Amino acid sequence: MSEKFDVIVVGAGPSGNAAAYTLARAGLSVLQLERGESPGTKNVQGAILYAHALEKIIPDFRDHAPLERHVVEQRMWLMDEAQACSGMTYRDEQFAQPPHYRYTIVRARFDRWFSEQVREAGATVINETTVTGLLKDKNGKVVGVQTERDGGEIRADAVILADGVNSLVAQRAGLREDIRAEHAALAVKEMLFLPRETIEQRFGIGEEQGVVIEIAGRITHGMVGTGFLYTNHDSLAIGIGCMLSDLRRQQLSPYQLLEGLKRHPSIRPLIEGAEMKEYAAHVIPEGGYKALPRLYGDGWMIVGDSAGFVNAVHREGSNLAMTSGRLAAETLIALKTRDKPFTASNLSAYKAALDGSFVMKDLKKYAEVPSFLHGNPHMLGTYPSLLNTAAREMLMVDGTDKRTKQRRIFAEVREKRSLLGLVGDSYRFWRAFK
């Protein structure tokens, strides 16, 4: 392809689509390259969409986007082997009133729709094209990409890398290192199909309403990780993920963990009779703020999962991805308007915009959490177990007085975690999450 573009966007996930759409709407010439057969074919996420991030890009998206259910209830379950204690259940009927702020989506459908918006905005989108490297001039500035196609050099004034968690293009160009096992989670997910009426009855929700259940505890066998269960129109997305370093050490497969989650007495009735139609795995960057690579340079920027923009504490990813893609695009638009070159010094405005947004503020807030959880695995194992045991003890009416029950609970706490250990854990928890 001999034509030169203002910007090439590599990847067609939420961050790449957000960048390409914003650029094209502003009148820049944009080429978006996607290695999948179509946008969404390699994305396996049964996901949550946060309206605020997309509203900044496509204000009327609710009128035509393929949304599943708007979330009215959030549950947090702490699980033992056969017990579940609800750490928090929050339901708000205000969430049932439009405009809704959070939805469940099926990524394959949503990404295809988003890509259609990118095309309609004026960008050129080419699928089934793998970018094998970046083109640089004699001064090291990125001036385009190399693809696997014949005559595959394509020139541009800037390149936005949105090619996923491993970002092989950035790695090959020496712009970032391969993601480390302790900074990545491997998540597996199944799509379980049930009649719409059955889902609404089992979860106690009305038409179009949804429930999100986040799960932690012994289901991960002491490894750092969580599970989830989301309601779609006529399916449930169920999954579990753990850090790659923990999975290697324990030699457990994600499939084993998922099957254990599905067999749990609290989950089994919710998915009974469902037909499994999709199983997939996906790597998620969860190293947080301290694992972020360099985000820009001469002629290039990196966004979304490629940059590691995931808030693992709150299970947020798509909103960080779309916001980073939008901010990268807006940086280029502002420079183009002022006829400024896309040099590293000028592209530093992208980092400044990120620093002023919730993206970097939230990542900074939880910067210590990954190392805290790695150093204190009992937080997701011992404490959920103790909490469930305490709940069972106090709720079991068996003729034993409550003071005796309290003594039993405190004795087990002292056995599993000493008083000193409990105080130390509380302090470290406060330090990590403050």
Foldseek 3Di string as FASTA:
>chain_A
DEDEFAEEEEAQALQSLLQLLLQLLLPGAYEYEAQAPAFQPPDADQDKDFQVLVCVRVVPCVVPAQFFFQEFKEWEWFDDLADIDTPDIDGDCVCVDPPHGMTGDGRSRRSRVSVVSSVVSPYHYDYNKDFPEFDADPVGFTFFTAIPDVVRTYGHLAYEYPNAQQSNHCCVSVQAHGDDLLQKKKKKKWKWFAAQVLLCVVVVHDPRYKYKYKYFECLVVLFPWIWIWIDGRGIIITMIMGRRVVCVVVVDDRVVSRVSVCPHPVNVVNRPPTDTDDMDMDMAGHLFDVRFTDADFRRYGYAFSNRRQALVVVRDGSSRSSNLSNLQSVLSSVCVVVVHRRGRVSSCVSVVVCCVDVRNVSSVLQNCVSVLCVVCSCVRYVVSVLVRQLVVLVPDDDPDDPVVSVVVSVVVCCVVANPVRVVVNVVSVVVNND
